[in-house]
């Protein structure tokens, strides 16, 4: 019976090592694909939050990758052009936002996303998508 237990443990370790190797390889492949398609426009780090502008589906929307290890990760989150109702900080640049400024914010959905109160200045988003170097 001990023979079966040790064989099971060895097999579990082998599978675990294969899974870890496959995960590293897959991560590298995804990074290469994302980088080669130019979707890593203006990556920003706001504290521990990583933000990447991915796409511009329309003149009033932007697709954003948002990763906050303390609360949420959204691979393709749609943000919409709006007017700031309160002051705050731009999640992308760290610049001050005043009430009334043009901003992008996560689309309203139910239940609201963990980053529902986040904002990005519209001028910063426009600049990022129009910058020929990115």
N, C-alpha and C. Protein backbone atom coordinates (compact mmCIF):
# COMPACT_ATOMS: atom_id res chain seq x y z
N UNK A 1 0.81 -1.18 0.00
CA UNK A 1 0.00 0.00 0.00
C UNK A 1 0.86 1.25 0.00
N UNK A 2 1.98 1.26 0.76
CA UNK A 2 2.89 2.40 0.77
C UNK A 2 3.45 2.66 -0.61
N UNK A 3 3.61 1.59 -1.38
CA UNK A 3 4.12 1.71 -2.75
C UNK A 3 3.19 2.59 -3.58
N UNK A 4 1.87 2.42 -3.42
CA UNK A 4 0.91 3.20 -4.18
C UNK A 4 0.90 4.66 -3.73
N UNK A 5 1.03 4.90 -2.42
CA UNK A 5 1.06 6.27 -1.91
C UNK A 5 2.26 7.03 -2.46
N UNK A 6 3.44 6.40 -2.45
CA UNK A 6 4.64 7.09 -2.94
C UNK A 6 4.56 7.29 -4.46
N UNK A 7 3.95 6.36 -5.18
CA UNK A 7 3.79 6.52 -6.62
C UNK A 7 2.82 7.67 -6.92
N UNK A 8 1.73 7.77 -6.15
CA UNK A 8 0.78 8.87 -6.33
C UNK A 8 1.45 10.21 -6.04
N UNK A 9 2.24 10.30 -4.99
CA UNK A 9 2.92 11.53 -4.63
C UNK A 9 3.92 11.92 -5.72
N UNK A 10 4.67 10.97 -6.21
CA UNK A 10 5.64 11.25 -7.28
C UNK A 10 4.91 11.73 -8.53
N UNK A 11 3.79 11.10 -8.85
CA UNK A 11 3.01 11.50 -10.03
C UNK A 11 2.47 12.93 -9.85
N UNK A 12 1.96 13.24 -8.66
CA UNK A 12 1.44 14.58 -8.39
C UNK A 12 2.55 15.63 -8.53
N UNK A 13 3.75 15.32 -8.04
CA UNK A 13 4.88 16.25 -8.19
C UNK A 13 5.24 16.44 -9.66
N UNK A 14 5.24 15.37 -10.43
CA UNK A 14 5.56 15.45 -11.85
C UNK A 14 4.54 16.31 -12.59
N UNK A 15 3.27 16.06 -12.32
CA UNK A 15 2.21 16.85 -12.96
C UNK A 15 2.32 18.31 -12.54
N UNK A 16 2.61 18.56 -11.28
CA UNK A 16 2.77 19.93 -10.80
C UNK A 16 3.89 20.66 -11.50
N UNK A 17 5.00 19.98 -11.72
CA UNK A 17 6.13 20.60 -12.43
C UNK A 17 5.78 20.87 -13.89
N UNK A 18 5.07 19.95 -14.52
CA UNK A 18 4.64 20.16 -15.90
C UNK A 18 3.69 21.35 -15.98
N UNK A 19 2.73 21.43 -15.05
CA UNK A 19 1.79 22.54 -15.04
C UNK A 19 2.51 23.87 -14.88
N UNK A 20 3.50 23.94 -13.99
CA UNK A 20 4.24 25.18 -13.78
C UNK A 20 5.04 25.55 -15.03
N UNK A 21 5.65 24.56 -15.67
CA UNK A 21 6.41 24.82 -16.90
C UNK A 21 5.50 25.29 -18.02
N UNK A 22 4.36 24.65 -18.15
CA UNK A 22 3.39 25.06 -19.19
C UNK A 22 2.86 26.46 -18.91
N UNK A 23 2.61 26.78 -17.67
CA UNK A 23 2.11 28.10 -17.31
C UNK A 23 3.14 29.17 -17.66
N UNK A 24 4.42 28.93 -17.37
CA UNK A 24 5.47 29.91 -17.71
C UNK A 24 5.57 30.06 -19.22
N UNK A 25 5.52 28.96 -19.94
CA UNK A 25 5.61 29.00 -21.40
C UNK A 25 4.41 29.74 -22.00
N UNK A 26 3.22 29.47 -21.51
CA UNK A 26 2.02 30.13 -22.00
C UNK A 26 2.07 31.63 -21.70
N UNK A 27 2.53 32.00 -20.51
CA UNK A 27 2.65 33.41 -20.16
C UNK A 27 3.61 34.12 -21.11
N UNK A 28 4.73 33.51 -21.41
CA UNK A 28 5.69 34.11 -22.34
C UNK A 28 5.09 34.26 -23.73
N UNK A 29 4.33 33.27 -24.19
CA UNK A 29 3.71 33.34 -25.51
C UNK A 29 2.67 34.46 -25.56
N UNK A 30 1.86 34.59 -24.51
CA UNK A 30 0.85 35.64 -24.47
C UNK A 30 1.51 37.01 -24.47
N UNK A 31 2.56 37.18 -23.67
CA UNK A 31 3.27 38.47 -23.66
C UNK A 31 3.82 38.81 -25.04
N UNK A 32 4.38 37.82 -25.71
CA UNK A 32 4.94 38.05 -27.05
C UNK A 32 3.84 38.46 -28.03
N UNK A 33 2.70 37.79 -27.98
CA UNK A 33 1.58 38.12 -28.87
C UNK A 33 1.08 39.52 -28.59
N UNK A 34 0.88 39.86 -27.32
CA UNK A 34 0.39 41.18 -26.95
C UNK A 34 1.38 42.25 -27.41
N UNK A 35 2.67 42.05 -27.15
CA UNK A 35 3.68 43.03 -27.55
C UNK A 35 3.74 43.19 -29.07
N UNK A 36 3.62 42.09 -29.81
CA UNK A 36 3.74 42.17 -31.26
C UNK A 36 2.53 42.84 -31.91
N UNK A 37 1.40 42.87 -31.20
CA UNK A 37 0.20 43.52 -31.75
C UNK A 37 0.06 44.97 -31.29
N UNK A 38 1.04 45.46 -30.57
CA UNK A 38 1.02 46.86 -30.17
C UNK A 38 -0.08 47.22 -29.19
N UNK A 39 -0.60 46.25 -28.46
CA UNK A 39 -1.68 46.56 -27.55
C UNK A 39 -1.16 46.97 -26.18
N UNK A 40 0.13 47.08 -26.02
CA UNK A 40 0.67 47.49 -24.73
C UNK A 40 0.92 48.99 -24.73
N UNK A 41 0.00 49.75 -25.31
CA UNK A 41 0.13 51.20 -25.36
C UNK A 41 0.10 51.77 -23.95
N UNK A 42 1.05 52.60 -23.69
CA UNK A 42 1.13 53.37 -22.46
C UNK A 42 0.78 52.55 -21.22
N UNK A 43 1.57 51.53 -20.92
CA UNK A 43 1.30 50.83 -19.67
C UNK A 43 1.64 51.75 -18.51
N UNK A 44 0.83 51.74 -17.48
CA UNK A 44 1.07 52.61 -16.33
C UNK A 44 0.94 51.80 -15.06
N UNK A 45 1.67 52.25 -14.04
CA UNK A 45 1.57 51.62 -12.74
C UNK A 45 1.22 52.70 -11.73
N UNK A 46 0.07 52.58 -11.15
CA UNK A 46 -0.40 53.52 -10.15
C UNK A 46 -0.41 52.76 -8.83
N UNK A 47 0.67 52.87 -8.07
CA UNK A 47 0.82 52.03 -6.89
C UNK A 47 1.01 50.61 -7.36
N UNK A 48 0.16 49.71 -6.94
CA UNK A 48 0.24 48.32 -7.38
C UNK A 48 -0.67 48.04 -8.57
N UNK A 49 -1.41 49.05 -9.02
CA UNK A 49 -2.35 48.86 -10.12
C UNK A 49 -1.61 48.97 -11.45
N UNK A 50 -1.82 48.00 -12.33
CA UNK A 50 -1.23 48.03 -13.67
C UNK A 50 -2.35 48.28 -14.67
N UNK A 51 -2.17 49.32 -15.50
CA UNK A 51 -3.20 49.72 -16.46
C UNK A 51 -2.58 49.73 -17.84
N UNK A 52 -3.27 49.12 -18.81
CA UNK A 52 -2.81 49.14 -20.19
C UNK A 52 -3.99 49.48 -21.08
N UNK A 53 -3.79 50.47 -21.96
CA UNK A 53 -4.82 50.81 -22.94
C UNK A 53 -4.67 49.83 -24.09
N UNK A 54 -5.73 49.09 -24.40
CA UNK A 54 -5.65 48.02 -25.39
C UNK A 54 -6.17 48.42 -26.77
N UNK A 55 -7.35 49.04 -26.79
CA UNK A 55 -8.01 49.26 -28.07
C UNK A 55 -8.93 50.46 -27.97
N UNK A 56 -9.36 50.93 -29.12
CA UNK A 56 -10.28 52.06 -29.22
C UNK A 56 -11.46 51.64 -30.08
N UNK A 57 -12.45 50.93 -29.52
CA UNK A 57 -13.57 50.44 -30.31
C UNK A 57 -14.40 51.55 -30.96
N UNK A 58 -14.48 52.71 -30.30
CA UNK A 58 -15.23 53.85 -30.86
C UNK A 58 -14.60 55.13 -30.31
N UNK A 59 -14.99 56.29 -30.85
CA UNK A 59 -14.42 57.55 -30.35
C UNK A 59 -14.77 57.84 -28.88
N UNK A 60 -15.79 57.16 -28.34
CA UNK A 60 -16.20 57.41 -26.96
C UNK A 60 -15.91 56.26 -26.01
N UNK A 61 -15.20 55.23 -26.49
CA UNK A 61 -14.88 54.08 -25.64
C UNK A 61 -13.41 53.69 -25.79
N UNK A 62 -12.90 53.05 -24.76
CA UNK A 62 -11.54 52.50 -24.77
C UNK A 62 -11.57 51.16 -24.04
N UNK A 63 -10.84 50.20 -24.55
CA UNK A 63 -10.72 48.91 -23.87
C UNK A 63 -9.45 48.95 -23.04
N UNK A 64 -9.60 48.62 -21.76
CA UNK A 64 -8.52 48.76 -20.79
C UNK A 64 -8.26 47.43 -20.10
N UNK A 65 -6.98 47.13 -19.89
CA UNK A 65 -6.61 46.02 -19.03
C UNK A 65 -6.25 46.62 -17.67
N UNK A 66 -6.89 46.15 -16.62
CA UNK A 66 -6.72 46.71 -15.28
C UNK A 66 -6.39 45.56 -14.34
N UNK A 67 -5.29 45.68 -13.62
CA UNK A 67 -4.91 44.63 -12.69
C UNK A 67 -4.50 45.24 -11.35
N UNK A 68 -5.25 44.91 -10.33
CA UNK A 68 -4.97 45.37 -8.98
C UNK A 68 -4.88 44.13 -8.10
N UNK A 69 -3.68 43.78 -7.65
CA UNK A 69 -3.53 42.54 -6.88
C UNK A 69 -4.30 42.54 -5.56
N UNK A 70 -4.73 43.72 -5.11
CA UNK A 70 -5.50 43.78 -3.87
C UNK A 70 -6.98 43.57 -4.07
N UNK A 71 -7.45 43.61 -5.34
CA UNK A 71 -8.89 43.52 -5.47
C UNK A 71 -9.44 42.96 -6.75
N UNK A 72 -8.83 43.26 -7.90
CA UNK A 72 -9.50 42.84 -9.13
C UNK A 72 -8.54 42.78 -10.30
N UNK A 73 -8.97 42.06 -11.31
CA UNK A 73 -8.23 42.00 -12.57
C UNK A 73 -9.27 41.91 -13.68
N UNK A 74 -9.18 42.86 -14.62
CA UNK A 74 -10.07 42.88 -15.76
C UNK A 74 -9.19 42.90 -17.00
N UNK A 75 -9.25 41.84 -17.79
CA UNK A 75 -8.41 41.71 -18.97
C UNK A 75 -8.82 42.63 -20.10
N UNK A 76 -10.12 42.78 -20.30
CA UNK A 76 -10.65 43.65 -21.36
C UNK A 76 -11.90 44.34 -20.82
N UNK A 77 -11.69 45.47 -20.18
CA UNK A 77 -12.79 46.22 -19.58
C UNK A 77 -13.08 47.45 -20.44
N UNK A 78 -14.34 47.67 -20.77
CA UNK A 78 -14.71 48.82 -21.59
C UNK A 78 -14.91 50.04 -20.69
N UNK A 79 -14.22 51.13 -21.04
CA UNK A 79 -14.37 52.40 -20.35
C UNK A 79 -15.05 53.38 -21.30
N UNK A 80 -15.89 54.26 -20.76
CA UNK A 80 -16.67 55.20 -21.58
C UNK A 80 -16.33 56.64 -21.22
N UNK A 81 -16.42 57.50 -22.24
CA UNK A 81 -16.21 58.92 -22.06
C UNK A 81 -17.35 59.48 -21.21
N UNK A 82 -17.01 60.32 -20.23
CA UNK A 82 -18.00 60.90 -19.33
C UNK A 82 -17.46 62.23 -18.80
N UNK A 83 -18.23 62.85 -17.96
CA UNK A 83 -17.81 64.07 -17.28
C UNK A 83 -17.64 63.73 -15.80
N UNK A 84 -16.50 64.15 -15.24
CA UNK A 84 -16.23 63.85 -13.82
C UNK A 84 -17.24 64.56 -12.94
N UNK A 85 -17.85 63.81 -12.04
CA UNK A 85 -18.82 64.39 -11.10
C UNK A 85 -18.14 64.85 -9.82
N UNK A 86 -16.90 64.41 -9.64
CA UNK A 86 -16.13 64.75 -8.44
C UNK A 86 -14.66 64.90 -8.81
N UNK A 87 -13.90 65.48 -7.94
CA UNK A 87 -12.47 65.60 -8.18
C UNK A 87 -11.79 64.27 -7.83
N UNK A 88 -10.60 64.09 -8.35
CA UNK A 88 -9.86 62.86 -8.08
C UNK A 88 -8.53 62.87 -8.79
N UNK A 89 -7.96 61.69 -8.99
CA UNK A 89 -6.68 61.53 -9.67
C UNK A 89 -6.85 60.62 -10.87
N UNK A 90 -6.14 60.94 -11.94
CA UNK A 90 -6.15 60.11 -13.14
C UNK A 90 -5.41 58.80 -12.83
N UNK A 91 -6.07 57.68 -13.02
CA UNK A 91 -5.46 56.38 -12.74
C UNK A 91 -4.30 56.09 -13.67
N UNK A 92 -4.28 56.71 -14.85
CA UNK A 92 -3.24 56.45 -15.83
C UNK A 92 -2.02 57.33 -15.62
N UNK A 93 -2.23 58.62 -15.36
CA UNK A 93 -1.11 59.56 -15.28
C UNK A 93 -0.82 60.08 -13.88
N UNK A 94 -1.80 59.99 -12.98
CA UNK A 94 -1.63 60.55 -11.64
C UNK A 94 -1.97 62.03 -11.57
N UNK A 95 -2.38 62.63 -12.70
CA UNK A 95 -2.73 64.06 -12.72
C UNK A 95 -4.05 64.28 -11.99
N UNK A 96 -4.22 65.52 -11.50
CA UNK A 96 -5.45 65.88 -10.81
C UNK A 96 -6.62 65.97 -11.80
N UNK A 97 -7.78 65.53 -11.34
CA UNK A 97 -9.02 65.64 -12.11
C UNK A 97 -9.95 66.53 -11.31
N UNK A 98 -10.53 67.51 -11.98
CA UNK A 98 -11.51 68.39 -11.34
C UNK A 98 -12.92 67.99 -11.79
N UNK A 99 -13.89 68.25 -10.94
CA UNK A 99 -15.29 68.00 -11.34
C UNK A 99 -15.54 68.79 -12.62
N UNK A 100 -16.16 68.12 -13.60
CA UNK A 100 -16.45 68.75 -14.88
C UNK A 100 -15.45 68.40 -15.97
N UNK A 101 -14.29 67.82 -15.61
CA UNK A 101 -13.30 67.41 -16.62
C UNK A 101 -13.83 66.23 -17.43
N UNK A 102 -13.40 66.15 -18.69
CA UNK A 102 -13.73 64.98 -19.52
C UNK A 102 -12.85 63.82 -19.06
N UNK A 103 -13.49 62.70 -18.80
CA UNK A 103 -12.78 61.53 -18.29
C UNK A 103 -13.28 60.26 -18.99
N UNK A 104 -12.55 59.18 -18.78
CA UNK A 104 -13.03 57.83 -19.10
C UNK A 104 -13.21 57.13 -17.77
N UNK A 105 -14.26 56.33 -17.68
CA UNK A 105 -14.53 55.54 -16.47
C UNK A 105 -15.08 54.18 -16.89
N UNK A 106 -14.97 53.19 -16.01
CA UNK A 106 -15.51 51.87 -16.36
C UNK A 106 -17.00 51.97 -16.68
N UNK A 107 -17.43 51.19 -17.67
CA UNK A 107 -18.86 51.14 -18.02
C UNK A 107 -19.68 50.71 -16.82
N UNK A 108 -20.89 51.27 -16.72
CA UNK A 108 -21.78 50.90 -15.63
C UNK A 108 -22.38 49.53 -15.92
N UNK A 109 -22.15 48.60 -15.01
CA UNK A 109 -22.70 47.25 -15.11
C UNK A 109 -23.15 46.84 -13.71
N UNK A 110 -23.96 45.81 -13.65
CA UNK A 110 -24.40 45.26 -12.36
C UNK A 110 -23.86 43.86 -12.21
N UNK A 111 -23.23 43.53 -11.13
CA UNK A 111 -22.83 44.43 -10.06
C UNK A 111 -21.68 45.32 -10.53
N UNK A 112 -21.48 46.48 -9.89
CA UNK A 112 -20.42 47.38 -10.32
C UNK A 112 -19.04 46.73 -10.12
N UNK A 113 -18.10 47.02 -11.03
CA UNK A 113 -16.76 46.45 -10.88
C UNK A 113 -16.06 47.07 -9.66
N UNK A 114 -15.04 46.41 -9.18
CA UNK A 114 -14.30 46.90 -8.01
C UNK A 114 -13.64 48.24 -8.28
N UNK A 115 -13.35 48.55 -9.54
CA UNK A 115 -12.69 49.82 -9.88
C UNK A 115 -13.69 50.84 -10.44
N UNK A 116 -14.95 50.72 -10.08
CA UNK A 116 -16.02 51.56 -10.63
C UNK A 116 -15.79 53.05 -10.41
N UNK A 117 -15.06 53.44 -9.38
CA UNK A 117 -14.84 54.86 -9.10
C UNK A 117 -13.57 55.40 -9.76
N UNK A 118 -12.83 54.56 -10.46
CA UNK A 118 -11.59 55.00 -11.10
C UNK A 118 -11.90 55.90 -12.30
N UNK A 119 -10.96 56.81 -12.59
CA UNK A 119 -11.12 57.73 -13.71
C UNK A 119 -9.77 57.90 -14.42
N UNK A 120 -9.84 58.18 -15.72
CA UNK A 120 -8.66 58.57 -16.50
C UNK A 120 -9.02 59.83 -17.27
N UNK A 121 -8.13 60.82 -17.24
CA UNK A 121 -8.37 62.04 -18.01
C UNK A 121 -8.49 61.70 -19.49
N UNK A 122 -9.51 62.26 -20.13
CA UNK A 122 -9.71 62.00 -21.56
C UNK A 122 -8.53 62.48 -22.39
N UNK A 123 -7.91 63.60 -21.99
CA UNK A 123 -6.76 64.11 -22.75
C UNK A 123 -5.59 63.14 -22.71
N UNK A 124 -5.40 62.46 -21.60
CA UNK A 124 -4.31 61.48 -21.47
C UNK A 124 -4.60 60.26 -22.34
N UNK A 125 -5.85 59.80 -22.33
CA UNK A 125 -6.23 58.64 -23.16
C UNK A 125 -6.09 58.99 -24.65
N UNK A 126 -6.58 60.18 -25.04
CA UNK A 126 -6.47 60.60 -26.43
C UNK A 126 -5.01 60.67 -26.87
N UNK A 127 -4.18 61.25 -26.03
CA UNK A 127 -2.76 61.37 -26.34
C UNK A 127 -2.12 60.01 -26.52
N UNK A 128 -2.47 59.08 -25.65
CA UNK A 128 -1.89 57.73 -25.73
C UNK A 128 -2.25 57.03 -27.04
N UNK A 129 -3.50 57.16 -27.46
CA UNK A 129 -3.93 56.50 -28.69
C UNK A 129 -3.46 57.22 -29.95
N UNK A 130 -3.16 58.51 -29.84
CA UNK A 130 -2.72 59.27 -31.01
C UNK A 130 -1.21 59.39 -31.13
N UNK A 131 -0.48 58.93 -30.11
CA UNK A 131 0.98 59.04 -30.12
C UNK A 131 1.55 57.99 -31.09
N UNK A 132 2.23 58.43 -32.17
CA UNK A 132 2.72 57.47 -33.17
C UNK A 132 3.80 56.53 -32.65
N UNK A 133 4.45 56.88 -31.57
CA UNK A 133 5.53 56.01 -31.07
C UNK A 133 4.98 54.82 -30.32
N UNK A 134 3.72 54.85 -29.93
CA UNK A 134 3.15 53.77 -29.12
C UNK A 134 2.28 52.93 -29.98
